[in-house]
Protein backbone atom coordinates (compact mmCIF):
# COMPACT_ATOMS: atom_id res chain seq x y z
CA MET A 1 0.01 0.07 -0.04
CA ALA A 2 2.91 2.45 0.99
CA ALA A 3 4.69 1.64 -2.23
CA THR A 4 1.74 2.89 -4.33
CA LEU A 5 2.11 6.23 -2.68
CA ILE A 6 5.62 6.80 -4.36
CA ASN A 7 5.36 9.17 -7.26
CA PRO A 8 8.44 7.92 -9.56
CA ARG A 9 8.35 11.43 -11.26
CA ASN A 10 9.02 13.07 -7.71
CA THR A 11 11.86 10.62 -7.26
CA THR A 12 13.48 11.43 -10.37
CA THR A 13 13.08 15.28 -9.49
CA THR A 14 14.55 14.96 -6.17
CA THR A 15 17.53 12.77 -7.29
CA THR A 16 18.20 15.36 -9.94
CA THR A 17 18.10 18.23 -7.61
CA ILE A 18 20.51 16.42 -5.26
CA LEU A 19 22.91 15.61 -8.10
CA TYR A 20 22.79 19.37 -9.10
CA SER A 21 23.27 20.40 -5.66
CA THR A 22 26.03 18.12 -4.98
CA THR A 23 27.95 19.02 -8.15
CA ALA A 24 27.49 22.82 -7.62
CA LEU A 25 28.85 22.27 -3.83
CA ILE A 26 31.95 20.24 -5.38
CA ILE A 27 32.47 23.13 -8.03
CA ALA A 28 32.30 25.67 -5.37
CA LEU A 29 34.87 23.79 -3.07
CA CYS A 30 37.09 23.14 -5.85
CA TYR A 31 37.10 26.65 -6.81
CA THR A 32 37.61 27.86 -3.35
CA ALA A 33 40.42 25.45 -3.03
CA ILE A 34 42.04 26.61 -6.21
CA ASN A 35 41.85 30.11 -5.14
CA TRP A 36 43.23 29.41 -1.86
CA TRP A 37 46.05 27.37 -3.33
CA ARG A 38 46.77 30.16 -5.82
CA LEU A 39 46.79 32.76 -3.01
CA ARG A 40 48.95 30.79 -0.71
CA ARG A 41 51.26 29.92 -3.52
CA ARG A 42 51.65 33.71 -4.53
CA CYS A 43 51.94 34.55 -0.90
CA CYS A 44 54.93 32.01 -0.30
CA SER A 45 56.50 32.44 -3.72
CA LEU A 46 59.21 34.91 -4.98
CA PRO A 47 58.15 37.62 -7.20
CA PRO A 48 58.27 36.88 -10.86
CA GLY A 49 61.47 37.49 -13.13
CA PRO A 50 63.25 36.69 -16.14
CA SER A 51 64.43 33.00 -16.96
CA ARG A 52 67.57 32.20 -15.45
CA VAL A 53 70.61 29.82 -16.49
CA PRO A 54 72.07 27.50 -14.00
CA ILE A 55 74.77 29.04 -11.51
CA PHE A 56 74.96 32.44 -12.97
CA GLY A 57 71.16 33.15 -12.81
CA ASN A 58 70.43 36.56 -14.76
CA LEU A 59 74.22 37.59 -14.21
CA LEU A 60 75.09 37.33 -17.82
CA SER A 61 72.14 39.11 -19.09
CA LEU A 62 72.66 42.36 -16.85
CA HIS A 63 73.11 45.52 -18.69
CA SER A 64 75.82 47.87 -17.08
CA GLU A 65 73.29 50.72 -16.97
CA LEU A 66 71.29 48.76 -14.22
CA HIS A 67 68.83 51.63 -13.55
CA THR A 68 67.55 51.67 -17.02
CA HIS A 69 67.86 48.01 -17.47
CA PHE A 70 65.65 47.34 -14.35
CA ALA A 71 63.10 49.79 -15.60
CA THR A 72 62.85 47.85 -18.88
CA LEU A 73 62.39 44.41 -17.05
CA ALA A 74 59.79 46.21 -14.89
CA LYS A 75 57.60 46.59 -18.03
CA THR A 76 57.49 42.97 -18.64
CA HIS A 77 57.63 41.57 -15.24
CA GLY A 78 55.76 44.05 -13.11
CA PRO A 79 56.59 46.47 -10.46
CA ILE A 80 58.25 44.04 -8.09
CA PHE A 81 60.37 41.22 -9.72
CA SER A 82 63.16 39.12 -8.65
CA LEU A 83 66.58 38.19 -10.12
CA LYS A 84 68.86 35.42 -9.35
CA LEU A 85 72.61 36.96 -9.08
CA GLY A 86 74.66 34.28 -8.74
CA ASN A 87 74.05 32.73 -5.17
CA ARG A 88 72.16 35.82 -4.21
CA LEU A 89 68.64 36.92 -4.76
CA GLY A 90 67.90 40.51 -6.14
CA ILE A 91 64.44 41.96 -5.61
CA VAL A 92 63.75 45.32 -7.65
CA ILE A 93 60.94 47.55 -6.74
CA THR A 94 59.56 50.02 -9.23
CA SER A 95 56.37 51.41 -7.87
CA PRO A 96 55.61 54.13 -5.42
CA GLU A 97 52.99 51.74 -3.52
CA ILE A 98 55.52 48.91 -3.14
CA ALA A 99 58.41 51.38 -2.22
CA LYS A 100 56.08 52.48 0.75
CA GLU A 101 55.62 49.01 1.99
CA VAL A 102 59.31 48.44 2.25
CA LEU A 103 60.52 51.74 3.45
CA ARG A 104 57.88 52.83 5.55
CA ASP A 105 55.39 49.92 6.61
CA HIS A 106 58.35 47.38 7.11
CA ASP A 107 60.92 49.91 7.68
CA ASP A 108 62.64 48.07 10.65
CA VAL A 109 62.94 44.86 8.76
CA PHE A 110 64.60 46.34 5.78
CA ALA A 111 66.87 48.82 7.44
CA ASN A 112 69.90 46.59 6.97
CA ARG A 113 72.50 46.27 4.31
CA ILE A 114 74.52 43.60 2.53
CA ILE A 115 78.13 44.99 2.84
CA PRO A 116 80.12 44.52 -0.62
CA ALA A 117 83.32 42.70 -0.52
CA ALA A 118 85.10 45.65 -1.70
CA ALA A 119 83.91 47.46 1.49
CA LYS A 120 85.23 44.83 3.98
CA VAL A 121 88.88 45.39 3.18
CA VAL A 122 89.19 48.40 5.79
CA GLU A 123 87.38 47.78 9.04
CA TYR A 124 86.12 51.21 9.76
CA ILE A 125 84.27 51.51 6.24
CA THR A 126 81.86 48.70 7.37
CA SER A 127 81.04 50.94 10.77
CA ASN A 128 79.86 53.98 8.86
CA ILE A 129 76.17 55.28 8.65
CA VAL A 130 75.83 53.75 5.23
CA SER A 131 77.08 50.06 6.07
CA SER A 132 76.29 49.70 9.75
CA PRO A 133 73.52 47.37 10.46
CA ASN A 134 70.32 48.80 12.14
CA GLY A 135 71.01 48.90 15.83
CA PRO A 136 72.73 50.92 18.69
CA THR A 137 75.81 51.81 16.40
CA LEU A 138 73.75 53.27 13.65
CA ARG A 139 71.54 55.21 15.92
CA MET A 140 74.72 56.76 17.71
CA LEU A 141 76.47 57.51 14.40
CA ARG A 142 73.23 59.36 12.97
CA LYS A 143 72.76 61.22 16.28
CA VAL A 144 76.42 62.50 16.27
CA CYS A 145 76.23 63.33 12.63
CA VAL A 146 73.05 64.89 12.43
CA ARG A 147 73.01 66.82 15.81
CA GLU A 148 76.68 68.04 15.75
CA MET A 149 77.47 68.27 12.16
CA LEU A 150 74.28 68.69 10.18
CA GLY A 151 71.82 70.39 12.44
CA LYS A 152 70.46 73.91 11.76
CA ALA A 153 72.46 75.46 14.46
CA SER A 154 75.80 73.55 13.50
CA LEU A 155 75.40 74.45 9.56
CA ASP A 156 74.58 78.16 10.57
CA ARG A 157 77.83 78.39 12.63
CA VAL A 158 79.89 77.41 9.82
CA TYR A 159 78.24 79.28 7.12
CA TRP A 160 81.29 81.67 6.79
CA LEU A 161 83.33 78.46 5.57
CA ARG A 162 80.78 77.82 2.66
CA ARG A 163 80.70 81.50 1.99
CA ARG A 164 84.46 81.74 1.82
CA GLU A 165 84.81 78.71 -0.55
CA MET A 166 82.05 79.76 -2.73
CA ARG A 167 83.60 83.31 -3.21
CA ALA A 168 86.92 81.57 -3.86
CA LEU A 169 85.26 79.71 -6.64
CA VAL A 170 83.53 82.63 -8.25
CA ALA A 171 86.86 84.62 -8.07
CA ARG A 172 88.55 81.85 -9.62
CA LEU A 173 85.98 81.61 -12.43
CA HIS A 174 86.33 85.34 -13.00
CA GLY A 175 90.02 84.71 -13.81
CA ASN A 176 88.82 82.10 -16.39
CA VAL A 177 86.33 83.96 -18.23
CA GLY A 178 86.14 83.12 -21.79
CA GLU A 179 88.05 79.71 -21.32
CA SER A 180 86.56 76.28 -21.08
CA VAL A 181 85.92 75.15 -17.63
CA ASP A 182 85.10 71.56 -16.21
CA VAL A 183 81.99 72.42 -14.17
CA GLY A 184 81.77 69.15 -12.28
CA ALA A 185 85.62 69.48 -11.40
CA GLU A 186 85.27 72.82 -10.22
CA MET A 187 82.24 71.93 -8.00
CA PHE A 188 83.73 68.82 -6.66
CA MET A 189 86.76 70.72 -5.38
CA MET A 190 84.78 73.50 -3.90
CA VAL A 191 82.41 71.01 -2.30
CA MET A 192 85.48 69.00 -0.83
CA ASN A 193 87.05 72.19 0.50
CA VAL A 194 83.95 73.13 2.33
CA ILE A 195 83.44 69.43 3.84
CA THR A 196 87.06 69.33 4.70
CA SER A 197 87.05 72.74 6.34
CA MET A 198 83.98 71.77 8.45
CA MET A 199 85.44 68.46 9.33
CA TRP A 200 88.92 69.24 10.41
CA GLY A 201 89.58 72.96 9.55
CA GLY A 202 91.71 72.15 6.40
CA VAL A 203 91.40 73.10 2.73
CA VAL A 204 92.47 70.12 0.47
CA GLU A 205 93.15 72.71 -2.48
CA GLU A 206 95.88 74.63 -0.42
CA ARG A 207 97.93 71.39 -0.81
CA GLY A 208 97.85 71.12 -4.55
CA GLU A 209 98.55 67.45 -5.17
CA VAL A 210 96.73 66.43 -2.21
CA GLY A 211 93.56 67.90 -3.33
CA ARG A 212 93.93 66.19 -6.81
CA GLU A 213 94.92 62.83 -4.82
CA PHE A 214 91.54 63.39 -2.79
CA ARG A 215 89.48 63.76 -5.94
CA GLU A 216 91.07 60.68 -7.64
CA VAL A 217 90.88 58.37 -4.63
CA VAL A 218 87.25 59.24 -3.74
CA GLY A 219 86.21 59.06 -7.45
CA GLU A 220 87.69 55.52 -7.68
CA ILE A 221 86.37 54.26 -4.36
CA THR A 222 82.77 55.46 -5.42
CA GLU A 223 83.36 53.52 -8.78
CA MET A 224 84.67 50.28 -7.26
CA LEU A 225 81.85 50.23 -4.64
CA GLY A 226 79.56 50.31 -7.67
CA LYS A 227 81.33 47.84 -10.01
CA PRO A 228 79.95 44.28 -10.39
CA ASN A 229 82.02 41.98 -8.30
CA LEU A 230 81.87 38.13 -8.43
CA SER A 231 82.68 38.09 -4.71
CA ASP A 232 79.20 39.56 -4.20
CA PHE A 233 77.39 37.12 -6.20
CA PHE A 234 79.49 34.01 -4.98
CA PRO A 235 80.44 34.68 -1.37
CA ARG A 236 82.58 31.72 -1.29
CA LEU A 237 84.84 33.15 -3.99
CA GLU A 238 85.36 36.40 -1.93
CA ARG A 239 88.81 35.04 -0.39
CA PHE A 240 90.01 34.48 -4.05
CA ASP A 241 89.31 38.06 -5.36
CA LEU A 242 89.10 36.77 -8.92
CA GLN A 243 88.63 40.35 -10.26
CA GLY A 244 91.23 42.12 -7.90
CA ILE A 245 88.58 44.42 -6.90
CA GLN A 246 89.13 44.00 -3.26
CA ARG A 247 93.07 44.40 -3.75
CA LYS A 248 92.31 47.82 -5.71
CA MET A 249 90.02 48.81 -3.27
CA LYS A 250 92.40 48.38 -0.39
CA GLU A 251 95.13 50.24 -2.08
CA LYS A 252 92.84 53.22 -2.39
CA LEU A 253 91.38 52.92 1.13
CA VAL A 254 95.07 52.66 2.50
CA ARG A 255 95.88 55.92 0.63
CA LEU A 256 92.76 57.48 2.26
CA ASP A 257 93.30 55.88 5.57
CA GLY A 258 96.77 57.49 5.60
CA ILE A 259 95.52 60.95 4.92
CA PHE A 260 93.03 60.50 7.82
CA ASP A 261 95.56 59.37 10.05
CA ARG A 262 97.72 62.36 9.38
CA ILE A 263 94.71 64.80 9.73
CA ILE A 264 93.69 63.01 13.13
CA GLU A 265 97.48 63.23 14.38
CA GLU A 266 97.64 66.71 13.43
CA ARG A 267 94.45 67.75 14.88
CA ARG A 268 95.21 66.10 18.30
CA ASN A 269 98.60 67.84 18.31
CA ARG A 270 97.00 71.20 17.71
CA LYS A 271 94.38 70.56 20.23
CA GLU A 272 97.00 69.63 22.86
CA GLY A 273 98.67 73.12 22.01
CA ASP A 274 95.29 75.19 22.03
CA GLN A 275 92.49 73.97 24.07
CA GLY A 276 90.23 76.68 22.66
CA ASP A 277 90.24 75.06 19.09
CA ASP A 278 88.27 72.12 20.61
CA ASP A 279 84.87 72.77 19.03
CA LYS A 280 85.80 74.94 16.05
CA ASP A 281 85.64 71.98 13.82
CA PHE A 282 83.68 68.41 13.71
CA LEU A 283 86.87 66.46 13.99
CA GLY A 284 87.80 68.36 17.35
CA PHE A 285 84.36 67.53 18.83
CA MET A 286 84.70 63.93 17.92
CA LEU A 287 88.22 63.78 19.47
CA ARG A 288 86.83 65.13 22.69
CA MET A 289 83.95 62.70 22.48
CA GLU A 290 86.46 59.90 22.13
CA GLU A 291 88.57 61.22 25.13
CA ASP A 292 85.36 61.38 27.19
CA GLU A 293 84.73 57.73 26.38
CA VAL A 294 88.29 56.59 27.45
CA ALA A 295 88.05 58.88 30.70
CA HIS A 296 84.74 57.34 31.73
CA GLY A 297 85.47 53.92 30.51
CA THR A 298 81.95 53.60 29.24
CA SER A 299 79.64 55.32 26.71
CA SER A 300 78.90 58.72 27.92
CA THR A 301 75.37 58.71 26.35
CA SER A 302 74.09 55.45 27.87
CA SER A 303 74.85 52.00 28.93
CA THR A 304 73.31 50.58 25.73
CA THR A 305 75.21 52.83 23.12
CA PRO A 306 78.73 51.35 22.01
CA PRO A 307 81.77 53.30 22.93
CA PHE A 308 82.97 56.01 20.58
CA THR A 309 86.21 55.19 19.05
CA THR A 310 88.85 56.11 16.33
CA LYS A 311 87.21 53.57 14.07
CA HIS A 312 84.01 55.76 14.38
CA ILE A 313 85.82 58.98 13.63
CA LYS A 314 87.26 57.49 10.50
CA ALA A 315 84.00 56.14 9.46
CA LEU A 316 82.25 59.53 9.81
CA LEU A 317 84.92 61.25 8.05
CA MET A 318 84.47 58.68 5.28
CA ASP A 319 80.82 59.36 5.24
CA MET A 320 81.05 63.18 4.97
CA VAL A 321 84.23 62.98 2.36
CA VAL A 322 82.94 60.38 0.21
CA GLY A 323 79.25 60.72 0.53
CA GLY A 324 78.90 64.35 0.42
CA THR A 325 81.35 65.25 -2.49
CA GLU A 326 80.20 63.59 -5.79
CA THR A 327 76.45 63.64 -4.78
CA THR A 328 76.27 67.40 -4.34
CA SER A 329 78.92 68.26 -7.40
CA ASN A 330 77.03 65.88 -9.87
CA THR A 331 73.77 67.41 -9.14
CA VAL A 332 74.94 70.94 -9.59
CA GLU A 333 76.57 69.57 -12.92
CA TRP A 334 73.44 68.04 -14.23
CA ALA A 335 71.57 71.18 -13.15
CA MET A 336 73.91 73.38 -15.26
CA ALA A 337 73.73 70.92 -18.12
CA GLU A 338 69.77 71.07 -18.28
CA LEU A 339 69.68 74.78 -18.17
CA MET A 340 72.15 75.29 -20.79
CA GLN A 341 70.05 73.00 -23.09
CA LYS A 342 66.95 75.56 -22.20
CA PRO A 343 68.52 78.86 -21.91
CA LYS A 344 65.03 80.32 -21.35
CA MET A 345 64.95 78.62 -18.09
CA MET A 346 68.42 79.79 -17.14
CA ARG A 347 67.39 83.44 -17.94
CA ARG A 348 64.28 83.09 -15.76
CA ILE A 349 66.61 82.04 -12.60
CA GLN A 350 68.92 85.04 -13.38
CA GLU A 351 65.98 87.32 -13.58
CA GLU A 352 64.76 85.98 -10.29
CA LEU A 353 68.21 86.46 -8.81
CA GLU A 354 68.25 89.98 -10.07
CA GLN A 355 64.90 90.69 -8.08
CA VAL A 356 65.89 88.85 -5.10
CA VAL A 357 69.67 89.64 -4.66
CA GLY A 358 70.25 92.42 -7.14
CA LYS A 359 72.93 93.41 -9.43
CA GLU A 360 74.85 95.12 -6.73
CA ASP A 361 75.46 92.24 -4.33
CA VAL A 362 76.53 88.80 -4.22
CA VAL A 363 74.38 85.67 -3.42
CA GLU A 364 74.06 84.77 0.17
CA GLU A 365 72.55 81.52 1.60
CA SER A 366 69.85 83.59 3.11
CA HIS A 367 68.70 84.24 -0.22
CA ILE A 368 67.80 80.89 -1.32
CA PRO A 369 64.56 80.18 0.47
CA LYS A 370 63.10 83.19 -1.51
CA LEU A 371 64.34 81.84 -4.96
CA THR A 372 61.27 79.89 -5.80
CA TYR A 373 61.93 78.85 -9.36
CA LEU A 374 65.56 77.98 -8.47
CA GLY A 375 64.03 75.71 -5.96
CA ALA A 376 61.75 74.03 -8.47
CA VAL A 377 64.78 73.67 -11.02
CA ILE A 378 66.68 71.77 -8.19
CA LYS A 379 63.62 69.52 -7.43
CA GLU A 380 63.20 68.70 -11.11
CA VAL A 381 67.01 67.88 -11.42
CA LEU A 382 66.82 65.44 -8.67
CA ARG A 383 63.55 63.98 -10.13
CA LEU A 384 65.14 63.24 -13.42
CA HIS A 385 68.84 62.58 -12.08
CA PRO A 386 68.46 61.42 -8.64
CA ALA A 387 72.12 61.34 -7.14
CA LEU A 388 71.65 57.50 -6.09
CA PRO A 389 69.29 55.91 -8.81
CA LEU A 390 68.89 52.61 -6.74
CA LEU A 391 69.35 54.20 -3.47
CA VAL A 392 71.61 51.89 -1.44
CA PRO A 393 70.23 48.46 -1.64
CA HIS A 394 68.27 47.25 1.55
CA SER A 395 68.27 43.69 3.07
CA PRO A 396 65.59 42.32 5.26
CA SER A 397 66.62 41.08 8.56
CA SER A 398 63.78 38.42 8.22
CA SER A 399 61.52 37.01 5.46
CA CYS A 400 58.85 39.37 4.58
CA THR A 401 55.73 39.46 2.66
CA ILE A 402 55.65 42.43 0.33
CA ASN A 403 52.87 42.99 -2.42
CA GLY A 404 51.85 39.33 -1.63
CA TYR A 405 55.26 37.83 -2.42
CA ASN A 406 57.76 36.46 -0.26
CA VAL A 407 60.96 38.59 0.10
CA PRO A 408 63.47 36.15 1.86
CA GLN A 409 65.87 37.21 4.73
CA GLY A 410 69.15 38.30 3.40
CA SER A 411 68.07 39.10 -0.27
CA GLN A 412 69.27 42.40 -1.70
CA VAL A 413 66.42 44.82 -2.48
CA PHE A 414 66.76 47.46 -4.95
CA VAL A 415 64.29 50.62 -5.06
CA ASN A 416 64.51 51.97 -8.64
CA VAL A 417 63.78 55.68 -7.64
CA TRP A 418 64.94 56.68 -11.06
CA ALA A 419 62.23 54.79 -12.73
CA ILE A 420 59.71 55.87 -10.32
CA HIS A 421 60.56 59.42 -10.79
CA ARG A 422 59.80 58.97 -14.63
CA ASP A 423 56.70 56.87 -14.17
CA PRO A 424 53.85 58.25 -16.60
CA CYS A 425 51.23 57.34 -14.10
CA VAL A 426 52.57 59.68 -11.87
CA TRP A 427 54.33 62.34 -13.91
CA GLU A 428 52.80 64.27 -16.96
CA ASP A 429 55.60 64.22 -19.76
CA PRO A 430 58.04 62.41 -17.35
CA LEU A 431 61.04 62.67 -19.57
CA GLU A 432 60.92 66.40 -20.05
CA PHE A 433 62.81 68.80 -17.74
CA MET A 434 59.91 70.90 -16.68
CA PRO A 435 60.52 72.79 -13.37
CA GLU A 436 57.25 74.40 -13.59
CA ARG A 437 55.65 71.05 -12.65
CA PHE A 438 56.70 71.82 -8.82
CA LEU A 439 55.21 75.58 -8.96
CA ASN A 440 51.83 74.41 -10.45
CA MET A 441 50.89 71.55 -8.33
CA ASP A 442 48.14 72.17 -5.78
CA ASP A 443 50.09 69.95 -3.28
CA SER A 444 53.49 71.16 -4.08
CA SER A 445 54.25 71.80 -0.57
CA ARG A 446 54.41 67.98 -0.34
CA TRP A 447 57.11 67.42 -2.75
CA ASP A 448 60.02 67.99 -0.56
CA PHE A 449 62.80 65.79 0.36
CA SER A 450 61.37 64.23 3.52
CA GLY A 451 60.61 60.78 2.10
CA ASN A 452 57.17 60.81 2.95
CA ASP A 453 55.85 60.81 -0.51
CA PHE A 454 56.93 57.73 -2.40
CA ARG A 455 56.16 59.40 -5.93
CA TYR A 456 59.15 61.59 -5.09
CA PHE A 457 62.03 60.52 -2.63
CA PRO A 458 65.43 61.40 -4.12
CA PHE A 459 66.99 60.99 -0.93
CA GLY A 460 65.60 57.90 0.21
CA SER A 461 63.01 57.54 3.18
CA GLY A 462 62.72 55.90 6.72
CA ARG A 463 65.50 55.15 9.17
CA ARG A 464 68.01 54.99 6.11
CA ILE A 465 67.15 58.13 4.79
CA CYS A 466 70.28 60.22 3.69
CA ALA A 467 71.59 62.06 6.76
CA GLY A 468 73.12 64.90 4.57
CA ILE A 469 69.79 66.35 3.10
CA PRO A 470 70.24 69.72 5.16
CA MET A 471 73.62 70.11 3.88
CA ALA A 472 72.92 69.10 0.26
CA GLU A 473 70.11 71.61 0.25
CA ARG A 474 72.18 74.27 1.30
CA MET A 475 75.23 73.72 -0.97
CA VAL A 476 73.39 72.73 -4.31
CA GLY A 477 71.03 75.87 -4.12
CA TYR A 478 73.92 78.31 -3.14
CA ALA A 479 76.32 76.93 -5.59
CA LEU A 480 73.77 76.99 -8.45
CA ALA A 481 72.46 80.55 -7.61
CA SER A 482 76.23 81.87 -7.37
CA LEU A 483 77.17 80.38 -10.83
CA LEU A 484 74.19 81.75 -12.53
CA HIS A 485 74.33 85.08 -10.86
CA SER A 486 77.80 85.92 -11.68
CA PHE A 487 78.10 84.44 -15.10
CA ASP A 488 76.34 83.38 -18.32
CA TRP A 489 77.31 79.93 -19.63
CA ASN A 490 77.92 78.59 -23.05
CA LEU A 491 79.34 75.65 -24.67
CA PRO A 492 82.87 75.89 -26.21
CA GLU A 493 82.52 76.59 -29.95
CA GLY A 494 81.68 73.65 -32.02
CA THR A 495 80.73 71.31 -29.27
CA LYS A 496 77.33 69.82 -28.59
CA LEU A 497 75.69 69.15 -25.08
CA ASP A 498 75.60 65.41 -24.04
CA LEU A 499 72.89 64.61 -21.48
CA SER A 500 73.62 60.95 -21.41
CA GLU A 501 74.12 58.97 -18.00
CA ARG A 502 76.71 56.60 -16.62
CA PHE A 503 75.40 54.30 -14.04
CA GLY A 504 77.17 53.84 -10.66
CA ILE A 505 76.32 54.26 -7.01
CA VAL A 506 76.20 57.91 -7.93
CA LEU A 507 74.57 58.94 -11.28
CA LYS A 508 77.21 60.75 -13.38
CA LYS A 509 77.23 62.57 -16.70
CA ALA A 510 78.66 60.21 -19.18
CA GLU A 511 80.78 62.94 -20.42
CA PRO A 512 81.90 65.85 -18.13
CA LEU A 513 80.07 69.25 -18.71
CA VAL A 514 82.66 71.81 -20.08
CA ALA A 515 81.44 75.25 -20.45
CA VAL A 516 82.56 78.73 -20.91
CA PRO A 517 81.68 81.42 -18.44
CA THR A 518 80.80 85.02 -19.35
CA ARG A 519 81.04 87.61 -16.78
CA ARG A 520 77.43 89.39 -15.78
CA LEU A 521 78.54 90.92 -12.40
CA PRO A 522 81.62 92.76 -11.58
CA ASN A 523 84.18 91.23 -9.32
CA LEU A 524 84.49 94.09 -7.13
CA LEU A 525 82.15 92.88 -4.21
CA LEU A 526 84.01 89.70 -3.77
CA ASP A 527 86.27 90.86 -1.11
CA SER A 528 83.56 92.23 0.91
């Protein structure tokens, strides 16, 4: 009787419904599992990158102009990609959003460095601000450098040194009016004289050959630190120094170390004879700080701060001499080259200088904040030609997830600020030199050097941001204003302007800028 109550059609319908429901559930579970697997795989995988060959990885395909090579690879592999560099892993970042993740959101993780083999040959070079790992030593060095050397009060106190050297440069150029001048070389020597005067009261130019030796050694050290070295890509080969880079670097650093030793000894002897000289230069302050450490037996700042020694004195001298000369002189050279290509812009700066400074006076640093268009030109130069196109590479102290990808501990992270500054998604006509872009923007006040806006951060960001920004701002503005106020500039007859770049730790012009100054102002006021 019960069997007669069962409708075969209902049974079929129920079975079909269950089958559809089961199938839909299975499909949904599979879809969820696949998405979860993809997400998990992406979160745990390295960023994409070009194909690799055994042992060498991507080394053999690298171009010497790394900043442009990395920018080209980013168009294919995305704003974060990986490269196998021998036994090392490189991660390249080419977008503001991902740069923010690394330099701000995970700043504490990425605040370390991989020290190149060439930098390990002299002990104190690994103890400077650039190379020291994140920790007490780095904090101590930055505190000493920024507070005692590069703070506003300290820079104001030694303005007379910058003024003296700038006027000496202008006077020398007045003597070379109508003749060809190597702009970068002149700027380098002036900046070197300023820095050495601030550091230990000496001027390298006064010693003739010593000045040339300084420039040669500093240039070669910078070049070797940026030169591809098999010892960095295959650490087990470091002891063999197959390219001879460590040996050559040691020779240069021994020369520089000898100069430092002589300067420190002379300063110690002078201090013994004149205690009143103690605080007239930075070296005097550091020597007194070292003596306090010895006298107290522990750090005079806190129990967790390492003692301040001669090693740290040399490290800071290295930071200032090597880090502050080529970056500043190259920026002024790039600015002059861009302005010579666009003489209307040069004339606009000169008209601004005539309004602010006048024709009967010389430029002072106090004029610089009032020179709005000059400031925009400097910002635009640093956008197109950032001093360090890949910054100084970072290295995570622990594995970290960035943009959904795994960045392993100990990898080398390059932030391609050169490419970010030329990103057409951020900048209108990004390859054009247009200082007006920094005048016309509604949010122009945010386009500064603080590293808070990751569309524009020529000096880096976070706890590894360049410590020399205050000095660089003053020196570049003061030098450029002085050169343009006192002279008109033209290329030597029969020559053409070359704006091609040469990659290194510091971005240089491939060909030095040689120009001919023509007098705009009399030389009578330079002795005032």
